[in-house]
C-alpha cells in the first residue's frame, strides 16, 4: 500500500522511486503513437540541432526563421517533454527573446511522438520530500510565472500539437492563438487522478471554450479527447493528416508571416486584452490551490498513490 511506499521513500530517499518510475515511463511509451508515424521525429531532431541559429538550450530547440521563431520541446532533464522548472524557464527565455526581436509570431511544437506530458511529477516529489512547504511554494511560483508568460505575450503563438498533450501541456493551449493538431494527437487533463487542482488557467478557459459540462468532464474525470473531438469542442483550430502535418503547418505559417507585424499584434490585443486580467487572476488562484495541496500531507499522499498505481500497472 501507500504506507509501504512511503516507508521505502523515507528509508531510501528517492532512488527507489526514480528506479521504479524509469520502468513506468518506458512502459508508457507502449500506448503512445509510434515515433515513425510522427512528423517531428528523430530526423527532425537531428536536423534542427544541426541548423538551429542563434540560441542553444538544454530542454528546448529554438530556430530563428524568416519572420518567426520556432520553439520545440526536446527535453533532456525530463521524460516525454514533461515540464519542470528548468524546462519552463527555458521556454520563458525563448518567448522573451522572440517578444523583443523581429519575429512576427512564435510556432510552438515538440520533437518526437509526444507534445507534452504536463508536469514532471518525479521532479516535484523528489523535492517535496525535502521541505514540503518551501518547495510547494517554489513549484507553484514556477508554474505561475510560466503561465503568465503565455498570458502576457503580445505576438501570436501558433501551436502544432504532434502527439499527446496531457495536464499543463493541454491546459496552456487556450492561452495560445491558433492550435493545429495531428490526427493522432489526444488531449487529457486528469487532475483528480494526479491528486492536484487545475492549472494553466483551465478552470477559466475550459468552461468558456467548451461549456461547463464538457470542461468538468475533462477537469474532474480526466476524459481523453481525440484530436477531432478537441476540434469540435473548440480546443483545437484544425486537424491535419499525420503524413502531411508538417507541410500543412508550414504552409500556413508562411502565409501568416506575410502579414504586417503591427496588424498581427494589434489584432491579438483586440481579442486577448479583454480577458487578460481574468486570466492572471485565474492563474494566481490556481497556483494558490496547488501550493496548498502540495504543501499538505494529503496532497503528497495523493501523488504517491498515483505513482504507485502506475508502478503497479507496469
Foldseek 3Di string as FASTA:
>chain_A
DLVVVVVCCVVPPCPVLVVLVVVLLVVVVVPWDDQVLFDQEPVVVVVQVVDAPDDDDAQWGWHDDVQAIEIAGRGDVAGQSEDDLRSLVVVLVNLVVRLPDRHLEYEYAYHTRFGYAYHRVSVLLSVCVVPQLVSLLVRLVSQLVSLLSLLPRQHAYEYEGGAEQEALSQLLLVSGDAYEYEQHHKYWYAQVLQLAAHASLLVPPVCVQQNDVVSCCRRHVTDMGGPVRCCVSRSHVYYDYRVCSVVVVVVVVVVVSVDDSVVRRVVCCVVRVVCSVVSSVSNVVRSVRSSVLSSDPNSSSSNSVSSVVSSVVD
